[in-house]
PDB file of N, CA and C in Angstrom:
ATOM      1  N   UNK A   1       0.848  -1.176   0.000  1.00  0.00           N
ATOM      2  CA  UNK A   1       0.000   0.000   0.000  1.00  0.00           C
ATOM      3  C   UNK A   1       0.896   1.243   0.000  1.00  0.00           C
ATOM      4  N   UNK A   2       0.619   2.172  -0.895  1.00  0.00           N
ATOM      5  CA  UNK A   2       1.383   3.408  -0.981  1.00  0.00           C
ATOM      6  C   UNK A   2       0.900   4.388   0.082  1.00  0.00           C
ATOM      7  N   UNK A   3       1.844   4.970   0.812  1.00  0.00           N
ATOM      8  CA  UNK A   3       1.467   5.969   1.823  1.00  0.00           C
ATOM      9  C   UNK A   3       1.505   7.351   1.188  1.00  0.00           C
ATOM     10  N   UNK A   4       0.484   8.133   1.465  1.00  0.00           N
ATOM     11  CA  UNK A   4       0.443   9.506   0.975  1.00  0.00           C
ATOM     12  C   UNK A   4       0.494  10.459   2.157  1.00  0.00           C
ATOM     13  N   UNK A   5       1.028  11.622   1.903  1.00  0.00           N
ATOM     14  CA  UNK A   5       1.114  12.644   2.940  1.00  0.00           C
ATOM     15  C   UNK A   5      -0.247  13.335   3.058  1.00  0.00           C
ATOM     16  N   UNK A   6      -0.819  13.408   4.254  1.00  0.00           N
ATOM     17  CA  UNK A   6      -2.136  14.049   4.397  1.00  0.00           C
ATOM     18  C   UNK A   6      -2.060  15.556   4.142  1.00  0.00           C
ATOM     19  N   UNK A   7      -3.120  16.090   3.601  1.00  0.00           N
ATOM     20  CA  UNK A   7      -3.233  17.530   3.392  1.00  0.00           C
ATOM     21  C   UNK A   7      -4.022  18.099   4.564  1.00  0.00           C
ATOM     22  N   UNK A   8      -3.419  19.035   5.265  1.00  0.00           N
ATOM     23  CA  UNK A   8      -4.050  19.642   6.436  1.00  0.00           C
ATOM     24  C   UNK A   8      -4.298  21.117   6.148  1.00  0.00           C
ATOM     25  N   UNK A   9      -5.506  21.575   6.405  1.00  0.00           N
ATOM     26  CA  UNK A   9      -5.819  22.999   6.264  1.00  0.00           C
ATOM     27  C   UNK A   9      -6.684  23.436   7.440  1.00  0.00           C
ATOM     28  N   UNK A  10      -6.464  24.659   7.883  1.00  0.00           N
ATOM     29  CA  UNK A  10      -7.253  25.225   8.979  1.00  0.00           C
ATOM     30  C   UNK A  10      -8.445  25.945   8.368  1.00  0.00           C
ATOM     31  N   UNK A  11      -9.644  25.580   8.774  1.00  0.00           N
ATOM     32  CA  UNK A  11     -10.863  26.159   8.218  1.00  0.00           C
ATOM     33  C   UNK A  11     -11.479  27.213   9.129  1.00  0.00           C
ATOM     34  N   UNK A  12     -11.539  26.946  10.414  1.00  0.00           N
ATOM     35  CA  UNK A  12     -12.178  27.867  11.357  1.00  0.00           C
ATOM     36  C   UNK A  12     -11.380  27.924  12.650  1.00  0.00           C
ATOM     37  N   UNK A  13     -11.293  29.127  13.205  1.00  0.00           N
ATOM     38  CA  UNK A  13     -10.647  29.321  14.498  1.00  0.00           C
ATOM     39  C   UNK A  13     -11.563  30.218  15.314  1.00  0.00           C
ATOM     40  N   UNK A  14     -11.810  29.853  16.548  1.00  0.00           N
ATOM     41  CA  UNK A  14     -12.659  30.653  17.431  1.00  0.00           C
ATOM     42  C   UNK A  14     -11.836  31.048  18.644  1.00  0.00           C
ATOM     43  N   UNK A  15     -11.936  32.318  19.027  1.00  0.00           N
ATOM     44  CA  UNK A  15     -11.219  32.801  20.209  1.00  0.00           C
ATOM     45  C   UNK A  15     -12.152  33.686  21.019  1.00  0.00           C
ATOM     46  N   UNK A  16     -11.879  33.807  22.294  1.00  0.00           N
ATOM     47  CA  UNK A  16     -12.658  34.702  23.147  1.00  0.00           C
ATOM     48  C   UNK A  16     -11.711  35.405  24.104  1.00  0.00           C
ATOM     49  N   UNK A  17     -12.181  36.528  24.644  1.00  0.00           N
ATOM     50  CA  UNK A  17     -11.360  37.308  25.571  1.00  0.00           C
ATOM     51  C   UNK A  17     -12.264  38.006  26.568  1.00  0.00           C
ATOM     52  N   UNK A  18     -11.690  38.418  27.664  1.00  0.00           N
ATOM     53  CA  UNK A  18     -12.412  39.170  28.682  1.00  0.00           C
ATOM     54  C   UNK A  18     -11.752  40.534  28.823  1.00  0.00           C
ATOM     55  N   UNK A  19     -12.555  41.601  28.756  1.00  0.00           N
ATOM     56  CA  UNK A  19     -12.010  42.958  28.868  1.00  0.00           C
ATOM     57  C   UNK A  19     -12.378  43.623  30.192  1.00  0.00           C
ATOM     58  N   UNK A  20     -13.153  42.952  31.014  1.00  0.00           N
ATOM     59  CA  UNK A  20     -13.531  43.436  32.349  1.00  0.00           C
ATOM     60  C   UNK A  20     -14.181  44.818  32.352  1.00  0.00           C
ATOM     61  N   UNK A  21     -14.912  45.139  31.293  1.00  0.00           N
ATOM     62  CA  UNK A  21     -15.709  46.366  31.265  1.00  0.00           C
ATOM     63  C   UNK A  21     -16.798  46.204  30.214  1.00  0.00           C
ATOM     64  N   UNK A  22     -17.815  47.022  30.313  1.00  0.00           N
ATOM     65  CA  UNK A  22     -18.933  46.948  29.372  1.00  0.00           C
ATOM     66  C   UNK A  22     -18.533  47.551  28.025  1.00  0.00           C
ATOM     67  N   UNK A  23     -18.995  46.925  26.948  1.00  0.00           N
ATOM     68  CA  UNK A  23     -18.777  47.440  25.595  1.00  0.00           C
ATOM     69  C   UNK A  23     -20.143  47.595  24.949  1.00  0.00           C
ATOM     70  N   UNK A  24     -20.441  48.787  24.466  1.00  0.00           N
ATOM     71  CA  UNK A  24     -21.718  49.061  23.808  1.00  0.00           C
ATOM     72  C   UNK A  24     -21.625  48.570  22.363  1.00  0.00           C
ATOM     73  N   UNK A  25     -22.108  47.355  22.108  1.00  0.00           N
ATOM     74  CA  UNK A  25     -21.977  46.761  20.780  1.00  0.00           C
ATOM     75  C   UNK A  25     -22.777  47.521  19.725  1.00  0.00           C
ATOM     76  N   UNK A  26     -23.884  48.119  20.109  1.00  0.00           N
ATOM     77  CA  UNK A  26     -24.664  48.925  19.167  1.00  0.00           C
ATOM     78  C   UNK A  26     -23.836  50.124  18.702  1.00  0.00           C
ATOM     79  N   UNK A  27     -23.109  50.744  19.632  1.00  0.00           N
ATOM     80  CA  UNK A  27     -22.243  51.876  19.303  1.00  0.00           C
ATOM     81  C   UNK A  27     -21.081  51.432  18.406  1.00  0.00           C
ATOM     82  N   UNK A  28     -20.531  50.271  18.675  1.00  0.00           N
ATOM     83  CA  UNK A  28     -19.431  49.745  17.855  1.00  0.00           C
ATOM     84  C   UNK A  28     -19.898  49.534  16.418  1.00  0.00           C
ATOM     85  N   UNK A  29     -21.103  49.001  16.234  1.00  0.00           N
ATOM     86  CA  UNK A  29     -21.607  48.766  14.874  1.00  0.00           C
ATOM     87  C   UNK A  29     -21.832  50.074  14.119  1.00  0.00           C
ATOM     88  N   UNK A  30     -22.141  51.149  14.830  1.00  0.00           N
ATOM     89  CA  UNK A  30     -22.309  52.453  14.179  1.00  0.00           C
ATOM     90  C   UNK A  30     -20.965  53.016  13.719  1.00  0.00           C
ATOM     91  N   UNK A  31     -19.920  52.796  14.497  1.00  0.00           N
ATOM     92  CA  UNK A  31     -18.596  53.348  14.178  1.00  0.00           C
ATOM     93  C   UNK A  31     -17.821  52.502  13.169  1.00  0.00           C
ATOM     94  N   UNK A  32     -18.134  51.208  13.093  1.00  0.00           N
ATOM     95  CA  UNK A  32     -17.425  50.301  12.194  1.00  0.00           C
ATOM     96  C   UNK A  32     -18.437  49.576  11.310  1.00  0.00           C
ATOM     97  N   UNK A  33     -18.651  50.050  10.074  1.00  0.00           N
ATOM     98  CA  UNK A  33     -19.673  49.451   9.205  1.00  0.00           C
ATOM     99  C   UNK A  33     -19.379  48.012   8.783  1.00  0.00           C
ATOM    100  N   UNK A  34     -18.140  47.531   8.988  1.00  0.00           N
ATOM    101  CA  UNK A  34     -17.796  46.155   8.617  1.00  0.00           C
ATOM    102  C   UNK A  34     -18.293  45.144   9.639  1.00  0.00           C
ATOM    103  N   UNK A  35     -18.953  45.618  10.690  1.00  0.00           N
ATOM    104  CA  UNK A  35     -19.379  44.725  11.764  1.00  0.00           C
ATOM    105  C   UNK A  35     -20.822  44.280  11.580  1.00  0.00           C
ATOM    106  N   UNK A  36     -21.119  43.122  12.164  1.00  0.00           N
ATOM    107  CA  UNK A  36     -22.487  42.594  12.188  1.00  0.00           C
ATOM    108  C   UNK A  36     -22.816  42.235  13.625  1.00  0.00           C
ATOM    109  N   UNK A  37     -23.982  42.645  14.066  1.00  0.00           N
ATOM    110  CA  UNK A  37     -24.425  42.313  15.417  1.00  0.00           C
ATOM    111  C   UNK A  37     -25.913  42.033  15.389  1.00  0.00           C
ATOM    112  N   UNK A  38     -26.282  40.790  15.636  1.00  0.00           N
ATOM    113  CA  UNK A  38     -27.673  40.354  15.674  1.00  0.00           C
ATOM    114  C   UNK A  38     -27.864  39.582  16.981  1.00  0.00           C
ATOM    115  N   UNK A  39     -28.106  40.300  18.088  1.00  0.00           N
ATOM    116  CA  UNK A  39     -28.155  39.650  19.402  1.00  0.00           C
ATOM    117  C   UNK A  39     -29.218  38.567  19.534  1.00  0.00           C
ATOM    118  N   UNK A  40     -30.258  38.612  18.707  1.00  0.00           N
ATOM    119  CA  UNK A  40     -31.278  37.564  18.773  1.00  0.00           C
ATOM    120  C   UNK A  40     -30.784  36.253  18.150  1.00  0.00           C
ATOM    121  N   UNK A  41     -29.739  36.325  17.299  1.00  0.00           N
ATOM    122  CA  UNK A  41     -29.190  35.134  16.647  1.00  0.00           C
ATOM    123  C   UNK A  41     -27.882  34.665  17.284  1.00  0.00           C
ATOM    124  N   UNK A  42     -27.037  35.626  17.700  1.00  0.00           N
ATOM    125  CA  UNK A  42     -25.718  35.309  18.258  1.00  0.00           C
ATOM    126  C   UNK A  42     -25.304  36.466  19.164  1.00  0.00           C
ATOM    127  N   UNK A  43     -24.852  36.204  20.383  1.00  0.00           N
ATOM    128  CA  UNK A  43     -24.578  37.283  21.336  1.00  0.00           C
ATOM    129  C   UNK A  43     -23.325  38.102  21.040  1.00  0.00           C
ATOM    130  N   UNK A  44     -22.486  37.650  20.111  1.00  0.00           N
ATOM    131  CA  UNK A  44     -21.239  38.363  19.833  1.00  0.00           C
ATOM    132  C   UNK A  44     -21.325  39.240  18.603  1.00  0.00           C
ATOM    133  N   UNK A  45     -20.326  40.087  18.458  1.00  0.00           N
ATOM    134  CA  UNK A  45     -20.210  40.973  17.310  1.00  0.00           C
ATOM    135  C   UNK A  45     -19.237  40.336  16.316  1.00  0.00           C
ATOM    136  N   UNK A  46     -19.552  40.387  15.025  1.00  0.00           N
ATOM    137  CA  UNK A  46     -18.687  39.820  13.994  1.00  0.00           C
ATOM    138  C   UNK A  46     -18.093  40.967  13.189  1.00  0.00           C
ATOM    139  N   UNK A  47     -16.778  40.958  13.037  1.00  0.00           N
ATOM    140  CA  UNK A  47     -16.057  41.985  12.286  1.00  0.00           C
ATOM    141  C   UNK A  47     -15.460  41.322  11.054  1.00  0.00           C
ATOM    142  N   UNK A  48     -15.941  41.693   9.863  1.00  0.00           N
ATOM    143  CA  UNK A  48     -15.492  41.049   8.623  1.00  0.00           C
ATOM    144  C   UNK A  48     -14.501  41.957   7.886  1.00  0.00           C
ATOM    145  N   UNK A  49     -13.354  41.395   7.556  1.00  0.00           N
ATOM    146  CA  UNK A  49     -12.348  42.102   6.774  1.00  0.00           C
ATOM    147  C   UNK A  49     -12.387  41.593   5.338  1.00  0.00           C
ATOM    148  N   UNK A  50     -12.170  42.496   4.380  1.00  0.00           N
ATOM    149  CA  UNK A  50     -12.144  42.088   2.978  1.00  0.00           C
ATOM    150  C   UNK A  50     -10.770  41.560   2.582  1.00  0.00           C
ATOM    151  N   UNK A  51      -9.717  42.159   3.155  1.00  0.00           N
ATOM    152  CA  UNK A  51      -8.364  41.725   2.814  1.00  0.00           C
ATOM    153  C   UNK A  51      -7.490  41.742   4.056  1.00  0.00           C
ATOM    154  N   UNK A  52      -7.031  40.630   4.519  1.00  0.00           N
ATOM    155  CA  UNK A  52      -7.329  39.293   4.029  1.00  0.00           C
ATOM    156  C   UNK A  52      -8.763  38.920   4.384  1.00  0.00           C
ATOM    157  N   UNK A  53      -9.388  38.107   3.560  1.00  0.00           N
ATOM    158  CA  UNK A  53     -10.781  37.725   3.776  1.00  0.00           C
ATOM    159  C   UNK A  53     -10.887  36.921   5.066  1.00  0.00           C
ATOM    160  N   UNK A  54     -11.484  37.545   6.064  1.00  0.00           N
ATOM    161  CA  UNK A  54     -11.585  36.910   7.374  1.00  0.00           C
ATOM    162  C   UNK A  54     -12.716  37.538   8.177  1.00  0.00           C
ATOM    163  N   UNK A  55     -13.155  36.849   9.181  1.00  0.00           N
ATOM    164  CA  UNK A  55     -14.151  37.382  10.120  1.00  0.00           C
ATOM    165  C   UNK A  55     -13.577  37.256  11.516  1.00  0.00           C
ATOM    166  N   UNK A  56     -13.725  38.309  12.293  1.00  0.00           N
ATOM    167  CA  UNK A  56     -13.194  38.331  13.653  1.00  0.00           C
ATOM    168  C   UNK A  56     -14.320  38.451  14.652  1.00  0.00           C
TER     169      UNK A  56
END
């Protein structure tokens, strides 16, 4: 049997942090149009960059 080298790629990475203070997510979405915040669907704010294509 021939052995092949596996191809490994990272698809998704999730991270979290604590800032020990309140952040007004509604205000953040007004100042940064690249953000998405839908608290009824997901409690966090999503920041999408076009280059490199990523979401934070």
